[in-house]
N, C-alpha and C. Protein backbone atom coordinates (compact mmCIF):
# COMPACT_ATOMS: atom_id res chain seq x y z
N MET A 1 47.98 -18.58 32.46
CA MET A 1 48.91 -18.23 31.44
C MET A 1 47.97 -18.02 30.14
N ILE A 2 48.22 -16.95 29.60
CA ILE A 2 47.42 -16.67 28.29
C ILE A 2 48.34 -16.86 27.32
N ALA A 3 47.75 -17.83 26.23
CA ALA A 3 48.61 -18.16 25.18
C ALA A 3 48.73 -17.21 24.14
N SER A 4 49.73 -17.16 23.34
CA SER A 4 49.93 -16.29 22.23
C SER A 4 49.15 -16.80 20.89
N CYS A 5 48.79 -15.86 20.11
CA CYS A 5 48.03 -16.22 18.96
C CYS A 5 48.69 -15.74 17.73
N ALA A 6 50.09 -15.72 17.90
CA ALA A 6 50.80 -15.19 16.63
C ALA A 6 50.97 -16.10 15.69
N VAL A 7 50.06 -16.14 14.70
CA VAL A 7 50.13 -17.17 13.57
C VAL A 7 50.78 -16.33 12.45
N GLU A 8 51.82 -16.87 11.86
CA GLU A 8 52.47 -16.39 10.63
C GLU A 8 51.98 -17.17 9.47
N ILE A 9 51.72 -16.22 8.36
CA ILE A 9 51.56 -16.77 7.17
C ILE A 9 52.60 -17.03 6.48
N PRO A 10 53.04 -18.31 6.18
CA PRO A 10 54.31 -18.57 5.32
C PRO A 10 54.41 -17.94 4.14
N PRO A 11 55.60 -17.40 3.50
CA PRO A 11 55.73 -16.96 2.28
C PRO A 11 55.30 -17.90 1.21
N GLY A 12 54.48 -17.30 0.13
CA GLY A 12 54.17 -18.23 -0.89
C GLY A 12 52.69 -18.66 -0.70
N THR A 13 52.15 -18.58 0.57
CA THR A 13 50.93 -19.01 0.80
C THR A 13 50.03 -18.01 0.27
N ARG A 14 48.79 -18.58 -0.45
CA ARG A 14 47.66 -17.83 -0.90
C ARG A 14 47.04 -17.09 0.18
N VAL A 15 47.16 -15.94 0.65
CA VAL A 15 46.52 -15.16 1.98
C VAL A 15 45.18 -14.65 1.48
N GLU A 16 44.88 -14.53 0.04
CA GLU A 16 43.53 -14.32 -0.45
C GLU A 16 42.63 -15.53 -0.33
N ALA A 17 43.16 -16.66 -0.02
CA ALA A 17 42.28 -17.95 0.11
C ALA A 17 41.23 -17.60 1.24
N ARG A 18 40.17 -18.00 0.99
CA ARG A 18 39.08 -17.70 1.91
C ARG A 18 38.51 -19.04 2.63
N ILE A 19 38.13 -18.74 3.65
CA ILE A 19 37.47 -20.08 4.45
C ILE A 19 36.24 -20.43 3.84
N SER A 20 36.25 -21.50 3.34
CA SER A 20 35.05 -21.99 2.49
C SER A 20 33.92 -22.89 3.24
N SER A 21 34.55 -23.57 4.32
CA SER A 21 33.73 -24.45 5.14
C SER A 21 34.41 -24.75 6.29
N MET A 22 33.65 -25.19 7.24
CA MET A 22 34.06 -25.76 8.61
C MET A 22 33.11 -26.88 8.95
N GLU A 23 33.72 -27.91 9.55
CA GLU A 23 32.81 -29.03 10.04
C GLU A 23 33.58 -29.48 11.48
N ILE A 24 32.67 -29.99 12.41
CA ILE A 24 33.09 -30.44 13.53
C ILE A 24 32.39 -31.72 13.95
N ILE A 25 33.15 -32.65 14.39
CA ILE A 25 32.37 -34.18 14.53
C ILE A 25 32.95 -34.50 15.85
N ARG A 26 32.12 -35.03 16.60
CA ARG A 26 32.20 -35.86 17.87
C ARG A 26 32.14 -37.25 17.73
N TYR A 27 33.30 -38.14 18.15
CA TYR A 27 33.39 -39.41 17.78
C TYR A 27 32.69 -40.19 18.77
N ASP A 28 32.28 -41.30 18.31
CA ASP A 28 31.94 -42.37 19.27
C ASP A 28 33.54 -43.04 19.65
N MET A 29 34.11 -42.91 20.66
CA MET A 29 35.34 -43.36 21.04
C MET A 29 35.48 -44.93 21.11
N GLN A 30 34.40 -45.42 21.46
CA GLN A 30 34.30 -46.99 21.70
C GLN A 30 34.36 -47.49 20.24
N LYS A 31 34.01 -46.87 19.26
CA LYS A 31 33.96 -47.55 18.04
C LYS A 31 35.39 -47.21 17.26
N LEU A 32 36.20 -46.17 17.63
CA LEU A 32 37.57 -45.79 16.96
C LEU A 32 38.48 -46.84 17.06
N PRO A 33 39.29 -47.57 16.22
CA PRO A 33 40.17 -48.39 16.30
C PRO A 33 41.33 -48.01 17.03
N PHE A 34 42.04 -48.77 17.88
CA PHE A 34 43.51 -48.24 18.40
C PHE A 34 43.26 -47.04 19.57
N ILE A 35 42.02 -47.21 20.20
CA ILE A 35 41.84 -46.23 21.36
C ILE A 35 42.02 -47.12 22.49
N ALA A 36 42.87 -46.53 23.43
CA ALA A 36 42.86 -47.15 24.93
C ALA A 36 41.77 -47.18 25.51
N ARG A 37 41.30 -48.04 26.25
CA ARG A 37 39.94 -48.24 27.04
C ARG A 37 39.79 -47.24 28.12
N ASP A 38 40.96 -46.72 28.55
CA ASP A 38 40.84 -45.46 29.70
C ASP A 38 40.49 -44.12 29.02
N HIS A 39 40.41 -43.95 27.68
CA HIS A 39 39.93 -42.95 26.78
C HIS A 39 38.62 -43.25 26.32
N SER A 40 37.94 -44.33 26.31
CA SER A 40 36.70 -44.61 25.68
C SER A 40 35.64 -43.86 26.18
N SER A 41 35.71 -43.38 27.39
CA SER A 41 34.49 -42.45 27.99
C SER A 41 34.60 -41.02 27.58
N CYS A 42 35.64 -40.66 26.87
CA CYS A 42 35.85 -39.19 26.69
C CYS A 42 35.13 -38.92 25.41
N TYR A 43 34.75 -37.55 25.49
CA TYR A 43 33.87 -37.07 24.09
C TYR A 43 34.98 -36.21 23.38
N CYS A 44 35.51 -36.91 22.38
CA CYS A 44 36.67 -36.35 21.63
C CYS A 44 35.97 -36.09 19.92
N GLY A 45 36.81 -35.22 19.38
CA GLY A 45 36.36 -35.11 17.97
C GLY A 45 37.34 -34.25 17.17
N LEU A 46 36.90 -33.96 16.11
CA LEU A 46 37.75 -33.38 15.04
C LEU A 46 37.23 -32.10 14.49
N PHE A 47 37.87 -30.99 14.38
CA PHE A 47 37.32 -29.86 13.63
C PHE A 47 38.29 -29.68 12.40
N LYS A 48 37.39 -29.46 11.14
CA LYS A 48 38.06 -29.30 10.07
C LYS A 48 37.73 -28.03 9.42
N ILE A 49 38.70 -27.10 9.01
CA ILE A 49 38.64 -25.94 8.39
C ILE A 49 39.14 -25.85 7.02
N SER A 50 38.32 -25.38 5.97
CA SER A 50 38.76 -25.64 4.78
C SER A 50 38.87 -24.55 3.82
N CYS A 51 39.89 -24.32 2.96
CA CYS A 51 39.86 -23.41 2.00
C CYS A 51 39.83 -24.15 0.64
N GLY A 52 38.65 -24.35 -0.03
CA GLY A 52 38.46 -24.92 -1.01
C GLY A 52 38.76 -26.48 -0.74
N TYR A 53 39.75 -27.19 -1.49
CA TYR A 53 40.02 -28.59 -1.41
C TYR A 53 41.07 -28.67 -0.43
N VAL A 54 41.70 -27.80 0.30
CA VAL A 54 42.80 -28.02 1.11
C VAL A 54 42.20 -27.62 2.70
N HIS A 55 42.35 -28.60 3.59
CA HIS A 55 41.91 -28.63 4.95
C HIS A 55 43.00 -28.54 5.96
N GLY A 56 42.50 -28.03 7.08
CA GLY A 56 43.24 -27.86 8.47
C GLY A 56 42.44 -28.49 9.48
N PHE A 57 43.12 -29.32 10.25
CA PHE A 57 42.45 -30.15 11.19
C PHE A 57 43.01 -29.88 12.69
N ALA A 58 42.09 -29.98 13.70
CA ALA A 58 42.53 -29.93 15.02
C ALA A 58 41.61 -30.82 15.85
N GLU A 59 42.08 -31.69 16.80
CA GLU A 59 41.45 -32.53 17.63
C GLU A 59 40.85 -31.73 18.96
N PHE A 60 39.86 -32.14 19.47
CA PHE A 60 39.38 -31.57 20.79
C PHE A 60 38.86 -32.66 21.73
N GLU A 61 38.79 -32.25 22.79
CA GLU A 61 38.19 -33.08 23.93
C GLU A 61 37.18 -32.30 24.74
N LEU A 62 36.02 -32.75 24.95
CA LEU A 62 34.74 -32.00 25.60
C LEU A 62 34.67 -32.69 27.00
N PRO A 63 34.41 -32.10 27.91
CA PRO A 63 34.01 -32.83 29.35
C PRO A 63 33.22 -34.04 29.34
N GLU A 64 33.15 -35.06 30.01
CA GLU A 64 32.43 -36.04 30.03
C GLU A 64 31.05 -35.62 30.52
N GLY A 65 30.11 -36.04 29.78
CA GLY A 65 28.76 -35.69 30.34
C GLY A 65 28.22 -34.47 29.40
N SER A 66 29.03 -33.94 28.49
CA SER A 66 28.48 -32.86 27.81
C SER A 66 27.35 -33.33 26.79
N HIS A 67 26.57 -32.44 26.58
CA HIS A 67 25.37 -32.85 25.85
C HIS A 67 25.72 -32.66 24.33
N PRO A 68 25.13 -33.26 23.29
CA PRO A 68 25.56 -33.05 21.92
C PRO A 68 25.40 -31.81 21.34
N SER A 69 24.23 -31.07 21.94
CA SER A 69 24.11 -29.62 21.64
C SER A 69 25.26 -28.71 22.16
N ASP A 70 25.94 -29.11 23.14
CA ASP A 70 26.99 -28.38 23.62
C ASP A 70 28.07 -28.10 22.63
N LEU A 71 28.21 -29.14 21.77
CA LEU A 71 29.27 -28.96 20.64
C LEU A 71 28.82 -28.01 19.85
N VAL A 72 27.67 -27.82 19.39
CA VAL A 72 27.20 -26.74 18.29
C VAL A 72 27.35 -25.50 19.10
N LYS A 73 27.11 -25.29 20.31
CA LYS A 73 27.23 -24.12 20.94
C LYS A 73 28.64 -23.63 21.18
N TRP A 74 29.39 -24.74 21.56
CA TRP A 74 30.86 -24.34 21.83
C TRP A 74 31.56 -23.93 20.37
N ALA A 75 31.12 -24.53 19.26
CA ALA A 75 31.69 -24.13 17.95
C ALA A 75 31.08 -23.15 17.12
N SER A 76 29.88 -22.72 17.44
CA SER A 76 29.16 -21.75 16.77
C SER A 76 29.66 -20.44 16.72
N MET A 77 30.50 -20.12 17.52
CA MET A 77 31.33 -18.73 17.35
C MET A 77 32.23 -18.63 16.24
N PHE A 78 32.63 -19.96 15.90
CA PHE A 78 33.67 -19.86 14.70
C PHE A 78 32.83 -19.63 13.42
N ARG A 79 31.55 -19.55 13.26
CA ARG A 79 30.83 -19.49 12.09
C ARG A 79 31.20 -18.17 11.41
N ALA A 80 31.53 -17.02 12.18
CA ALA A 80 31.83 -15.86 11.46
C ALA A 80 33.16 -15.90 10.55
N LEU A 81 33.82 -17.07 10.84
CA LEU A 81 34.97 -17.07 10.04
C LEU A 81 34.87 -17.35 8.63
N LYS A 82 33.54 -18.06 8.35
CA LYS A 82 33.39 -18.35 6.83
C LYS A 82 33.49 -17.41 5.99
N GLY A 83 34.14 -17.46 4.81
CA GLY A 83 34.28 -16.37 3.67
C GLY A 83 35.20 -15.48 4.02
N MET A 84 35.91 -15.47 5.38
CA MET A 84 37.02 -14.67 5.45
C MET A 84 38.41 -15.04 4.70
N GLU A 85 39.07 -13.99 4.56
CA GLU A 85 40.53 -14.42 4.09
C GLU A 85 41.40 -14.77 5.03
N LEU A 86 42.35 -15.51 4.82
CA LEU A 86 43.20 -16.03 5.91
C LEU A 86 43.88 -14.81 6.85
N SER A 87 44.15 -13.71 6.34
CA SER A 87 44.66 -12.63 6.81
C SER A 87 43.83 -12.13 7.75
N GLN A 88 42.58 -12.01 7.44
CA GLN A 88 41.53 -11.54 8.28
C GLN A 88 41.26 -12.66 9.54
N VAL A 89 41.29 -13.86 9.06
CA VAL A 89 41.22 -14.89 10.27
C VAL A 89 41.96 -14.64 11.45
N MET A 90 43.35 -14.43 11.01
CA MET A 90 44.19 -14.31 12.11
C MET A 90 44.01 -13.06 12.87
N HIS A 91 43.57 -11.85 12.32
CA HIS A 91 43.24 -10.71 13.15
C HIS A 91 41.86 -10.99 13.90
N TYR A 92 41.03 -11.74 13.40
CA TYR A 92 39.73 -12.18 14.07
C TYR A 92 39.99 -12.94 15.29
N ILE A 93 41.03 -13.77 15.10
CA ILE A 93 41.19 -14.66 16.45
C ILE A 93 41.90 -13.82 17.34
N GLN A 94 42.59 -13.07 17.04
CA GLN A 94 43.40 -12.12 18.05
C GLN A 94 42.24 -11.18 18.74
N GLN A 95 41.35 -10.75 18.01
CA GLN A 95 40.26 -9.88 18.54
C GLN A 95 39.38 -10.52 19.61
N HIS A 96 39.21 -11.74 19.37
CA HIS A 96 38.16 -12.57 20.10
C HIS A 96 38.74 -13.35 21.23
N HIS A 97 39.99 -13.28 21.36
CA HIS A 97 40.62 -14.13 22.46
C HIS A 97 39.94 -14.00 23.67
N THR A 98 39.93 -12.93 24.17
CA THR A 98 39.26 -12.84 25.56
C THR A 98 37.75 -13.40 25.52
N LEU A 99 37.06 -13.16 24.53
CA LEU A 99 35.50 -13.66 24.46
C LEU A 99 35.50 -15.26 24.38
N TRP A 100 36.56 -15.95 23.52
CA TRP A 100 36.50 -17.25 23.31
C TRP A 100 37.28 -18.01 24.45
N GLY A 101 38.12 -17.37 25.10
CA GLY A 101 38.87 -18.20 26.11
C GLY A 101 40.28 -18.79 25.50
N ASN A 102 41.00 -19.28 26.31
CA ASN A 102 42.17 -19.75 25.98
C ASN A 102 42.10 -21.18 25.26
N GLU A 103 41.22 -22.00 25.62
CA GLU A 103 41.07 -23.36 25.15
C GLU A 103 40.59 -23.20 23.69
N ARG A 104 39.68 -22.46 23.45
CA ARG A 104 39.07 -22.27 22.08
C ARG A 104 39.99 -21.62 21.16
N MET A 105 40.72 -20.65 21.76
CA MET A 105 41.68 -19.97 20.80
C MET A 105 42.85 -20.72 20.44
N LEU A 106 43.30 -21.58 21.37
CA LEU A 106 44.42 -22.55 21.04
C LEU A 106 43.88 -23.72 20.13
N PHE A 107 42.62 -24.17 20.05
CA PHE A 107 42.16 -25.09 19.37
C PHE A 107 42.12 -24.44 17.89
N LEU A 108 41.57 -23.17 17.79
CA LEU A 108 41.39 -22.69 16.43
C LEU A 108 42.65 -22.52 15.82
N HIS A 109 43.57 -21.92 16.71
CA HIS A 109 45.06 -21.61 16.30
C HIS A 109 45.79 -22.90 15.74
N GLU A 110 45.48 -24.14 16.31
CA GLU A 110 45.97 -25.27 15.81
C GLU A 110 45.44 -25.60 14.43
N ALA A 111 43.95 -25.42 14.46
CA ALA A 111 43.49 -25.78 13.14
C ALA A 111 43.94 -24.82 11.95
N VAL A 112 44.13 -23.69 12.22
CA VAL A 112 44.48 -22.55 11.15
C VAL A 112 45.95 -22.75 10.79
N ASN A 113 46.82 -23.09 11.76
CA ASN A 113 48.28 -23.42 11.43
C ASN A 113 48.44 -24.72 10.49
N ASN A 114 47.47 -25.82 10.91
CA ASN A 114 47.44 -26.89 10.06
C ASN A 114 46.77 -26.46 8.68
N LEU A 115 45.90 -25.69 8.67
CA LEU A 115 45.65 -25.51 7.24
C LEU A 115 46.60 -24.53 6.45
N LEU A 116 47.29 -23.75 6.93
CA LEU A 116 48.42 -22.90 6.45
C LEU A 116 49.42 -23.82 5.95
N LEU A 117 49.71 -24.79 6.78
CA LEU A 117 50.79 -25.80 6.35
C LEU A 117 50.23 -26.70 5.13
N ASN A 118 49.12 -26.87 5.14
CA ASN A 118 48.69 -27.75 4.04
C ASN A 118 48.43 -26.83 2.86
N LEU A 119 47.98 -25.65 3.03
CA LEU A 119 48.08 -24.85 1.77
C LEU A 119 49.37 -24.51 1.16
N GLU A 120 50.41 -24.55 2.07
CA GLU A 120 51.94 -24.33 1.51
C GLU A 120 52.37 -25.52 0.85
N GLN A 121 51.91 -26.66 1.32
CA GLN A 121 52.35 -27.80 0.58
C GLN A 121 51.71 -28.28 -0.66
N SER A 122 50.29 -27.76 -0.63
CA SER A 122 49.54 -28.13 -1.71
C SER A 122 49.88 -27.35 -2.92
N SER A 123 50.65 -26.25 -2.93
CA SER A 123 51.42 -25.65 -4.18
C SER A 123 52.48 -26.42 -4.48
N THR A 124 53.04 -27.26 -3.82
CA THR A 124 54.16 -28.21 -4.29
C THR A 124 53.96 -29.59 -4.48
N SER A 125 52.67 -29.89 -4.23
CA SER A 125 52.29 -31.33 -4.29
C SER A 125 50.85 -31.49 -5.03
N ASP A 126 50.77 -32.59 -5.80
CA ASP A 126 49.64 -33.03 -6.46
C ASP A 126 48.48 -33.76 -5.37
N VAL A 127 49.04 -34.20 -4.40
CA VAL A 127 48.20 -34.77 -3.42
C VAL A 127 47.10 -34.01 -2.70
N LYS A 128 46.05 -34.12 -3.00
CA LYS A 128 44.80 -33.54 -2.38
C LYS A 128 43.85 -34.33 -1.62
N LEU A 129 43.48 -33.93 -0.45
CA LEU A 129 42.61 -34.95 0.38
C LEU A 129 41.19 -34.76 -0.35
N ASN A 130 40.38 -35.92 -0.78
CA ASN A 130 39.07 -35.86 -1.35
C ASN A 130 37.96 -35.68 -0.11
N ARG A 131 37.33 -34.64 -0.27
CA ARG A 131 36.34 -34.11 0.76
C ARG A 131 35.28 -35.47 1.13
N GLU A 132 34.84 -36.07 0.03
CA GLU A 132 33.93 -37.12 0.19
C GLU A 132 34.47 -38.42 0.99
N GLU A 133 35.87 -38.72 0.79
CA GLU A 133 36.36 -39.71 1.34
C GLU A 133 36.61 -39.27 2.87
N ILE A 134 37.12 -38.14 3.15
CA ILE A 134 37.35 -37.75 4.50
C ILE A 134 35.93 -37.82 5.23
N ARG A 135 34.95 -37.26 4.63
CA ARG A 135 33.63 -37.08 5.40
C ARG A 135 32.98 -38.74 5.69
N ALA A 136 33.12 -39.46 4.63
CA ALA A 136 32.75 -40.90 4.86
C ALA A 136 33.50 -41.59 5.97
N PHE A 137 34.72 -41.42 6.02
CA PHE A 137 35.49 -41.92 7.18
C PHE A 137 35.05 -41.48 8.42
N LEU A 138 34.99 -40.01 8.66
CA LEU A 138 34.61 -39.45 9.83
C LEU A 138 33.23 -39.74 10.19
N MET A 139 32.31 -39.77 9.21
CA MET A 139 30.87 -40.02 9.59
C MET A 139 30.64 -41.44 10.20
N GLN A 140 31.52 -42.35 9.84
CA GLN A 140 31.55 -43.61 10.31
C GLN A 140 31.63 -43.88 11.74
N TYR A 141 32.13 -42.89 12.44
CA TYR A 141 32.56 -42.75 13.74
C TYR A 141 31.88 -41.57 14.47
N ALA A 142 30.92 -40.80 13.88
CA ALA A 142 30.33 -39.61 14.34
C ALA A 142 29.17 -39.99 15.18
N LEU A 143 29.09 -39.19 16.23
CA LEU A 143 28.08 -39.22 17.11
C LEU A 143 27.25 -37.92 17.06
N THR A 144 27.94 -36.90 16.74
CA THR A 144 27.47 -35.46 16.55
C THR A 144 28.23 -34.80 15.50
N TYR A 145 27.50 -34.18 14.54
CA TYR A 145 28.12 -33.47 13.41
C TYR A 145 27.40 -32.07 13.18
N TYR A 146 28.42 -31.11 12.83
CA TYR A 146 27.87 -29.80 12.79
C TYR A 146 28.72 -29.06 11.50
N SER A 147 28.08 -28.63 10.55
CA SER A 147 28.86 -28.08 9.32
C SER A 147 28.38 -26.68 9.29
N PHE A 148 29.34 -25.93 9.14
CA PHE A 148 28.86 -24.37 8.94
C PHE A 148 29.96 -23.73 8.05
C-alpha cells in the first residue's frame, strides 16, 4: 500500500515560513524513563523540523543492529528541505515519494503535519518551546545526533 502525502496547509498558517533547521537524535532507550524493558533494545529517536522558534516532531524506529552512521545516511536526503517555504516542502515530498520510500515519506509527513499544527497554534498562543531547553533534554539521552 502506498500512503498518501496530501498535507494541507491550514488557513492562517504562514506558508512563506521557511524550514530553518532539522535535527535527528537516536536515543539510548535504556536511559529513557518509563520505557518498557521489551523496547529497550530498539534504536528509536526523534526528528525535529523547525521554522524559527516553532518546531514539528516525529518519532522513528530503526532496525536493531543499525550502525549510528546509518541514521545520518537515512536522514541526509531531507537536507534539501532546509530553506524551503512550507508550500515547496509539500511539493518536494510528493516528488520524492518513490525515491524515499513509504516509511521515510510517512515519517516526514508526520513531522511536517506537526510543524503546521504548531505554527497554526503559535499565532494564537504565547507559549513557544525554548530551543536550548529542548536540545538539553534530548542530548541527555542521545547516542547519535545529526543537525542539518
